[in-house]
PDB file of all heavy atoms in Angstrom:
ATOM      1  N   ASN A   1     -19.525  67.631  53.340  1.00  0.00           N
ATOM      2  CA  ASN A   1     -19.669  67.396  54.773  1.00  0.00           C
ATOM      3  C   ASN A   1     -18.333  67.607  55.478  1.00  0.00           C
ATOM      4  O   ASN A   1     -17.381  66.837  55.261  1.00  0.00           O
ATOM      5  CB  ASN A   1     -20.169  65.970  55.008  1.00  0.00           C
ATOM      6  CG  ASN A   1     -20.409  65.675  56.479  1.00  0.00           C
ATOM      7  OD1 ASN A   1     -20.199  66.523  57.343  1.00  0.00           O
ATOM      8  ND2 ASN A   1     -20.854  64.468  56.774  1.00  0.00           N
ATOM      9  N   PRO A   2     -18.228  68.632  56.344  1.00  0.00           N
ATOM     10  CA  PRO A   2     -16.939  68.884  57.006  1.00  0.00           C
ATOM     11  C   PRO A   2     -16.649  67.932  58.157  1.00  0.00           C
ATOM     12  O   PRO A   2     -15.575  68.018  58.761  1.00  0.00           O
ATOM     13  CB  PRO A   2     -17.094  70.318  57.515  1.00  0.00           C
ATOM     14  CG  PRO A   2     -18.559  70.447  57.798  1.00  0.00           C
ATOM     15  CD  PRO A   2     -19.241  69.632  56.726  1.00  0.00           C
ATOM     16  N   GLN A   3     -17.567  67.037  58.467  1.00  0.00           N
ATOM     17  CA  GLN A   3     -17.396  66.143  59.621  1.00  0.00           C
ATOM     18  C   GLN A   3     -16.881  64.762  59.229  1.00  0.00           C
ATOM     19  O   GLN A   3     -17.040  63.807  59.993  1.00  0.00           O
ATOM     20  CB  GLN A   3     -18.718  66.020  60.376  1.00  0.00           C
ATOM     21  CG  GLN A   3     -19.294  67.331  60.873  1.00  0.00           C
ATOM     22  CD  GLN A   3     -18.398  68.093  61.836  1.00  0.00           C
ATOM     23  OE1 GLN A   3     -18.550  69.291  61.985  1.00  0.00           O
ATOM     24  NE2 GLN A   3     -17.476  67.415  62.493  1.00  0.00           N
ATOM     25  N   THR A   4     -16.235  64.654  58.076  1.00  0.00           N
ATOM     26  CA  THR A   4     -15.711  63.352  57.644  1.00  0.00           C
ATOM     27  C   THR A   4     -14.272  63.452  57.145  1.00  0.00           C
ATOM     28  O   THR A   4     -13.841  62.631  56.345  1.00  0.00           O
ATOM     29  CB  THR A   4     -16.592  62.770  56.518  1.00  0.00           C
ATOM     30  OG1 THR A   4     -16.564  63.663  55.391  1.00  0.00           O
ATOM     31  CG2 THR A   4     -18.027  62.589  56.971  1.00  0.00           C
ATOM     32  N   LEU A   5     -13.526  64.440  57.616  1.00  0.00           N
ATOM     33  CA  LEU A   5     -12.222  64.745  57.024  1.00  0.00           C
ATOM     34  C   LEU A   5     -11.077  64.157  57.840  1.00  0.00           C
ATOM     35  O   LEU A   5     -10.933  64.428  59.040  1.00  0.00           O
ATOM     36  CB  LEU A   5     -12.041  66.261  56.900  1.00  0.00           C
ATOM     37  CG  LEU A   5     -13.145  67.010  56.130  1.00  0.00           C
ATOM     38  CD1 LEU A   5     -12.860  68.507  56.130  1.00  0.00           C
ATOM     39  CD2 LEU A   5     -13.263  66.488  54.704  1.00  0.00           C
ATOM     40  N   ASP A   6     -10.227  63.365  57.191  1.00  0.00           N
ATOM     41  CA  ASP A   6      -9.025  62.851  57.830  1.00  0.00           C
ATOM     42  C   ASP A   6      -8.003  63.969  57.995  1.00  0.00           C
ATOM     43  O   ASP A   6      -7.884  64.865  57.146  1.00  0.00           O
ATOM     44  CB  ASP A   6      -8.402  61.733  56.987  1.00  0.00           C
ATOM     45  CG  ASP A   6      -9.215  60.451  57.000  1.00  0.00           C
ATOM     46  OD1 ASP A   6      -9.869  60.178  58.023  1.00  0.00           O
ATOM     47  OD2 ASP A   6      -9.206  59.736  55.978  1.00  0.00           O
ATOM     48  N   MET A   7      -7.221  63.886  59.068  1.00  0.00           N
ATOM     49  CA  MET A   7      -6.212  64.906  59.345  1.00  0.00           C
ATOM     50  C   MET A   7      -4.986  64.246  59.978  1.00  0.00           C
ATOM     51  O   MET A   7      -5.084  63.184  60.594  1.00  0.00           O
ATOM     52  CB  MET A   7      -6.794  66.001  60.254  1.00  0.00           C
ATOM     53  CG  MET A   7      -7.413  65.495  61.533  1.00  0.00           C
ATOM     54  SD  MET A   7      -8.749  66.531  62.216  1.00  0.00           S
ATOM     55  CE  MET A   7      -7.990  68.131  62.330  1.00  0.00           C
ATOM     56  N   PHE A   8      -3.826  64.896  59.802  1.00  0.00           N
ATOM     57  CA  PHE A   8      -2.590  64.332  60.348  1.00  0.00           C
ATOM     58  C   PHE A   8      -1.594  65.452  60.622  1.00  0.00           C
ATOM     59  O   PHE A   8      -1.704  66.561  60.082  1.00  0.00           O
ATOM     60  CB  PHE A   8      -1.966  63.334  59.363  1.00  0.00           C
ATOM     61  CG  PHE A   8      -1.277  63.998  58.194  1.00  0.00           C
ATOM     62  CD1 PHE A   8       0.080  64.316  58.248  1.00  0.00           C
ATOM     63  CD2 PHE A   8      -1.990  64.342  57.053  1.00  0.00           C
ATOM     64  CE1 PHE A   8       0.708  64.955  57.181  1.00  0.00           C
ATOM     65  CE2 PHE A   8      -1.370  64.977  55.983  1.00  0.00           C
ATOM     66  CZ  PHE A   8      -0.017  65.275  56.054  1.00  0.00           C
ATOM     67  N   LEU A   9      -0.594  65.145  61.438  1.00  0.00           N
ATOM     68  CA  LEU A   9       0.541  66.047  61.652  1.00  0.00           C
ATOM     69  C   LEU A   9       1.766  65.222  61.990  1.00  0.00           C
ATOM     70  O   LEU A   9       1.705  64.318  62.841  1.00  0.00           O
ATOM     71  CB  LEU A   9       0.245  67.059  62.761  1.00  0.00           C
ATOM     72  CG  LEU A   9       1.332  68.119  62.993  1.00  0.00           C
ATOM     73  CD1 LEU A   9       0.713  69.471  63.377  1.00  0.00           C
ATOM     74  CD2 LEU A   9       2.332  67.681  64.078  1.00  0.00           C
ATOM     75  N   ASP A  10       2.882  65.521  61.304  1.00  0.00           N
ATOM     76  CA  ASP A  10       4.170  64.888  61.556  1.00  0.00           C
ATOM     77  C   ASP A  10       5.142  65.923  62.117  1.00  0.00           C
ATOM     78  O   ASP A  10       5.139  67.089  61.685  1.00  0.00           O
ATOM     79  CB  ASP A  10       4.787  64.331  60.265  1.00  0.00           C
ATOM     80  CG  ASP A  10       3.935  63.262  59.606  1.00  0.00           C
ATOM     81  OD1 ASP A  10       3.070  62.681  60.288  1.00  0.00           O
ATOM     82  OD2 ASP A  10       4.140  63.016  58.401  1.00  0.00           O
ATOM     83  N   VAL A  11       5.986  65.514  63.035  1.00  0.00           N
ATOM     84  CA  VAL A  11       7.093  66.338  63.521  1.00  0.00           C
ATOM     85  C   VAL A  11       8.386  65.613  63.211  1.00  0.00           C
ATOM     86  O   VAL A  11       8.557  64.453  63.603  1.00  0.00           O
ATOM     87  CB  VAL A  11       6.975  66.628  65.033  1.00  0.00           C
ATOM     88  CG1 VAL A  11       8.174  67.441  65.514  1.00  0.00           C
ATOM     89  CG2 VAL A  11       5.675  67.364  65.346  1.00  0.00           C
ATOM     90  N   ASN A  12       9.258  66.261  62.454  1.00  0.00           N
ATOM     91  CA  ASN A  12      10.528  65.667  62.045  1.00  0.00           C
ATOM     92  C   ASN A  12      10.326  64.304  61.387  1.00  0.00           C
ATOM     93  O   ASN A  12      11.091  63.361  61.609  1.00  0.00           O
ATOM     94  CB  ASN A  12      11.470  65.541  63.247  1.00  0.00           C
ATOM     95  CG  ASN A  12      11.824  66.890  63.849  1.00  0.00           C
ATOM     96  OD1 ASN A  12      11.912  67.896  63.145  1.00  0.00           O
ATOM     97  ND2 ASN A  12      12.004  66.929  65.154  1.00  0.00           N
ATOM     98  N   GLY A  13       9.257  64.199  60.588  1.00  0.00           N
ATOM     99  CA  GLY A  13       8.985  62.981  59.846  1.00  0.00           C
ATOM    100  C   GLY A  13       8.297  61.888  60.629  1.00  0.00           C
ATOM    101  O   GLY A  13       7.979  60.828  60.082  1.00  0.00           O
ATOM    102  N   LYS A  14       8.002  62.112  61.910  1.00  0.00           N
ATOM    103  CA  LYS A  14       7.334  61.109  62.747  1.00  0.00           C
ATOM    104  C   LYS A  14       5.872  61.489  62.920  1.00  0.00           C
ATOM    105  O   LYS A  14       5.562  62.621  63.293  1.00  0.00           O
ATOM    106  CB  LYS A  14       8.021  61.019  64.107  1.00  0.00           C
ATOM    107  CG  LYS A  14       7.359  60.024  65.059  1.00  0.00           C
ATOM    108  CD  LYS A  14       8.050  60.031  66.414  1.00  0.00           C
ATOM    109  CE  LYS A  14       7.351  59.086  67.378  1.00  0.00           C
ATOM    110  NZ  LYS A  14       7.996  59.106  68.724  1.00  0.00           N
ATOM    111  N   ARG A  15       4.971  60.557  62.647  1.00  0.00           N
ATOM    112  CA  ARG A  15       3.544  60.818  62.787  1.00  0.00           C
ATOM    113  C   ARG A  15       3.185  61.003  64.264  1.00  0.00           C
ATOM    114  O   ARG A  15       3.404  60.131  65.093  1.00  0.00           O
ATOM    115  CB  ARG A  15       2.745  59.660  62.186  1.00  0.00           C
ATOM    116  CG  ARG A  15       1.232  59.805  62.187  1.00  0.00           C
ATOM    117  CD  ARG A  15       0.733  61.020  61.413  1.00  0.00           C
ATOM    118  NE  ARG A  15       1.329  61.235  60.129  1.00  0.00           N
ATOM    119  CZ  ARG A  15       0.857  60.750  58.970  1.00  0.00           C
ATOM    120  NH1 ARG A  15      -0.241  59.999  58.969  1.00  0.00           N
ATOM    121  NH2 ARG A  15       1.470  61.028  57.821  1.00  0.00           N
ATOM    122  N   CYS A  16       2.641  62.178  64.574  1.00  0.00           N
ATOM    123  CA  CYS A  16       2.237  62.486  65.943  1.00  0.00           C
ATOM    124  C   CYS A  16       0.723  62.545  66.097  1.00  0.00           C
ATOM    125  O   CYS A  16       0.181  62.091  67.107  1.00  0.00           O
ATOM    126  CB  CYS A  16       2.848  63.821  66.388  1.00  0.00           C
ATOM    127  SG  CYS A  16       4.650  63.795  66.548  1.00  0.00           S
ATOM    128  N   GLN A  17       0.050  63.125  65.122  1.00  0.00           N
ATOM    129  CA  GLN A  17      -1.396  63.249  65.206  1.00  0.00           C
ATOM    130  C   GLN A  17      -2.058  62.574  64.016  1.00  0.00           C
ATOM    131  O   GLN A  17      -1.646  62.754  62.872  1.00  0.00           O
ATOM    132  CB  GLN A  17      -1.822  64.724  65.231  1.00  0.00           C
ATOM    133  CG  GLN A  17      -1.470  65.462  66.513  1.00  0.00           C
ATOM    134  CD  GLN A  17      -2.056  66.864  66.524  1.00  0.00           C
ATOM    135  OE1 GLN A  17      -1.463  67.790  65.996  1.00  0.00           O
ATOM    136  NE2 GLN A  17      -3.228  67.013  67.149  1.00  0.00           N
ATOM    137  N   THR A  18      -3.077  61.805  64.297  1.00  0.00           N
ATOM    138  CA  THR A  18      -3.945  61.208  63.284  1.00  0.00           C
ATOM    139  C   THR A  18      -5.370  61.332  63.803  1.00  0.00           C
ATOM    140  O   THR A  18      -5.650  60.972  64.947  1.00  0.00           O
ATOM    141  CB  THR A  18      -3.618  59.728  63.051  1.00  0.00           C
ATOM    142  OG1 THR A  18      -2.248  59.603  62.665  1.00  0.00           O
ATOM    143  CG2 THR A  18      -4.500  59.155  61.948  1.00  0.00           C
ATOM    144  N   GLY A  19      -6.262  61.855  62.985  1.00  0.00           N
ATOM    145  CA  GLY A  19      -7.630  62.013  63.460  1.00  0.00           C
ATOM    146  C   GLY A  19      -8.602  62.197  62.324  1.00  0.00           C
ATOM    147  O   GLY A  19      -8.236  62.168  61.146  1.00  0.00           O
ATOM    148  N   ASN A  20      -9.843  62.389  62.682  1.00  0.00           N
ATOM    149  CA  ASN A  20     -10.897  62.647  61.713  1.00  0.00           C
ATOM    150  C   ASN A  20     -11.917  63.562  62.379  1.00  0.00           C
ATOM    151  O   ASN A  20     -12.211  63.410  63.568  1.00  0.00           O
ATOM    152  CB  ASN A  20     -11.560  61.336  61.276  1.00  0.00           C
ATOM    153  CG  ASN A  20     -12.547  61.529  60.147  1.00  0.00           C
ATOM    154  OD1 ASN A  20     -13.636  62.060  60.343  1.00  0.00           O
ATOM    155  ND2 ASN A  20     -12.172  61.099  58.949  1.00  0.00           N
ATOM    156  N   THR A  21     -12.437  64.503  61.619  1.00  0.00           N
ATOM    157  CA  THR A  21     -13.356  65.480  62.192  1.00  0.00           C
ATOM    158  C   THR A  21     -14.665  64.859  62.670  1.00  0.00           C
ATOM    159  O   THR A  21     -15.439  65.522  63.363  1.00  0.00           O
ATOM    160  CB  THR A  21     -13.655  66.598  61.176  1.00  0.00           C
ATOM    161  OG1 THR A  21     -14.168  66.015  59.965  1.00  0.00           O
ATOM    162  CG2 THR A  21     -12.404  67.395  60.851  1.00  0.00           C
ATOM    163  N   THR A  22     -14.896  63.599  62.336  1.00  0.00           N
ATOM    164  CA  THR A  22     -16.112  62.943  62.822  1.00  0.00           C
ATOM    165  C   THR A  22     -16.110  62.781  64.336  1.00  0.00           C
ATOM    166  O   THR A  22     -17.169  62.599  64.946  1.00  0.00           O
ATOM    167  CB  THR A  22     -16.290  61.563  62.145  1.00  0.00           C
ATOM    168  OG1 THR A  22     -17.598  61.072  62.433  1.00  0.00           O
ATOM    169  CG2 THR A  22     -15.269  60.566  62.649  1.00  0.00           C
ATOM    170  N   THR A  23     -14.911  62.846  64.968  1.00  0.00           N
ATOM    171  CA  THR A  23     -14.828  62.638  66.410  1.00  0.00           C
ATOM    172  C   THR A  23     -14.872  63.940  67.207  1.00  0.00           C
ATOM    173  O   THR A  23     -14.629  63.929  68.418  1.00  0.00           O
ATOM    174  CB  THR A  23     -13.550  61.851  66.768  1.00  0.00           C
ATOM    175  OG1 THR A  23     -12.402  62.623  66.406  1.00  0.00           O
ATOM    176  CG2 THR A  23     -13.515  60.510  66.064  1.00  0.00           C
ATOM    177  N   MET A  24     -15.196  65.046  66.555  1.00  0.00           N
ATOM    178  CA  MET A  24     -15.368  66.295  67.296  1.00  0.00           C
ATOM    179  C   MET A  24     -16.483  66.139  68.337  1.00  0.00           C
ATOM    180  O   MET A  24     -17.496  65.484  68.093  1.00  0.00           O
ATOM    181  CB  MET A  24     -15.760  67.435  66.352  1.00  0.00           C
ATOM    182  CG  MET A  24     -14.637  68.004  65.523  1.00  0.00           C
ATOM    183  SD  MET A  24     -15.274  69.400  64.544  1.00  0.00           S
ATOM    184  CE  MET A  24     -13.782  69.878  63.679  1.00  0.00           C
ATOM    185  N   ILE A  25     -16.309  66.784  69.485  1.00  0.00           N
ATOM    186  CA  ILE A  25     -17.369  66.823  70.493  1.00  0.00           C
ATOM    187  C   ILE A  25     -18.498  67.732  70.015  1.00  0.00           C
ATOM    188  O   ILE A  25     -19.681  67.377  70.082  1.00  0.00           O
ATOM    189  CB  ILE A  25     -16.805  67.310  71.843  1.00  0.00           C
ATOM    190  CG1 ILE A  25     -15.719  66.364  72.343  1.00  0.00           C
ATOM    191  CG2 ILE A  25     -17.923  67.461  72.875  1.00  0.00           C
ATOM    192  CD1 ILE A  25     -14.926  66.903  73.521  1.00  0.00           C
ATOM    193  N   PHE A  26     -18.115  68.915  69.537  1.00  0.00           N
ATOM    194  CA  PHE A  26     -19.083  69.880  69.013  1.00  0.00           C
ATOM    195  C   PHE A  26     -18.830  70.041  67.517  1.00  0.00           C
ATOM    196  O   PHE A  26     -17.737  70.435  67.104  1.00  0.00           O
ATOM    197  CB  PHE A  26     -18.957  71.225  69.729  1.00  0.00           C
ATOM    198  CG  PHE A  26     -19.079  71.113  71.224  1.00  0.00           C
ATOM    199  CD1 PHE A  26     -17.947  71.180  72.034  1.00  0.00           C
ATOM    200  CD2 PHE A  26     -20.319  70.915  71.819  1.00  0.00           C
ATOM    201  CE1 PHE A  26     -18.052  71.064  73.413  1.00  0.00           C
ATOM    202  CE2 PHE A  26     -20.426  70.793  73.198  1.00  0.00           C
ATOM    203  CZ  PHE A  26     -19.298  70.867  74.001  1.00  0.00           C
ATOM    204  N   ALA A  27     -19.836  69.716  66.712  1.00  0.00           N
ATOM    205  CA  ALA A  27     -19.703  69.796  65.257  1.00  0.00           C
ATOM    206  C   ALA A  27     -19.691  71.246  64.792  1.00  0.00           C
ATOM    207  O   ALA A  27     -20.033  72.169  65.542  1.00  0.00           O
ATOM    208  CB  ALA A  27     -20.849  69.037  64.593  1.00  0.00           C
ATOM    209  N   ILE A  28     -19.304  71.448  63.529  1.00  0.00           N
ATOM    210  CA  ILE A  28     -19.163  72.796  62.990  1.00  0.00           C
ATOM    211  C   ILE A  28     -20.468  73.582  63.103  1.00  0.00           C
ATOM    212  O   ILE A  28     -20.464  74.752  63.516  1.00  0.00           O
ATOM    213  CB  ILE A  28     -18.711  72.751  61.518  1.00  0.00           C
ATOM    214  CG1 ILE A  28     -17.391  71.981  61.367  1.00  0.00           C
ATOM    215  CG2 ILE A  28     -18.569  74.166  60.965  1.00  0.00           C
ATOM    216  CD1 ILE A  28     -16.230  72.549  62.106  1.00  0.00           C
ATOM    217  N   ASP A  29     -21.591  72.970  62.742  1.00  0.00           N
ATOM    218  CA  ASP A  29     -22.854  73.708  62.793  1.00  0.00           C
ATOM    219  C   ASP A  29     -23.203  74.119  64.218  1.00  0.00           C
ATOM    220  O   ASP A  29     -23.700  75.228  64.461  1.00  0.00           O
ATOM    221  CB  ASP A  29     -23.988  72.910  62.141  1.00  0.00           C
ATOM    222  CG  ASP A  29     -24.200  71.529  62.748  1.00  0.00           C
ATOM    223  OD1 ASP A  29     -23.446  71.130  63.662  1.00  0.00           O
ATOM    224  OD2 ASP A  29     -25.136  70.839  62.297  1.00  0.00           O
ATOM    225  N   GLU A  30     -22.910  73.251  65.178  1.00  0.00           N
ATOM    226  CA  GLU A  30     -23.189  73.584  66.578  1.00  0.00           C
ATOM    227  C   GLU A  30     -22.278  74.709  67.061  1.00  0.00           C
ATOM    228  O   GLU A  30     -22.720  75.612  67.796  1.00  0.00           O
ATOM    229  CB  GLU A  30     -23.014  72.350  67.452  1.00  0.00           C
ATOM    230  CG  GLU A  30     -23.418  72.572  68.897  1.00  0.00           C
ATOM    231  CD  GLU A  30     -23.390  71.302  69.744  1.00  0.00           C
ATOM    232  OE1 GLU A  30     -22.976  70.247  69.223  1.00  0.00           O
ATOM    233  OE2 GLU A  30     -23.799  71.369  70.917  1.00  0.00           O
TER     234      GLU A  30
END
């Protein structure tokens, strides 16, 4: 299921983005 994946991004070691694909407005199939 691609709609349950945790994701993150750090810049210079500082966490900037934290999310999960479950919160997409439009899911992959749509």
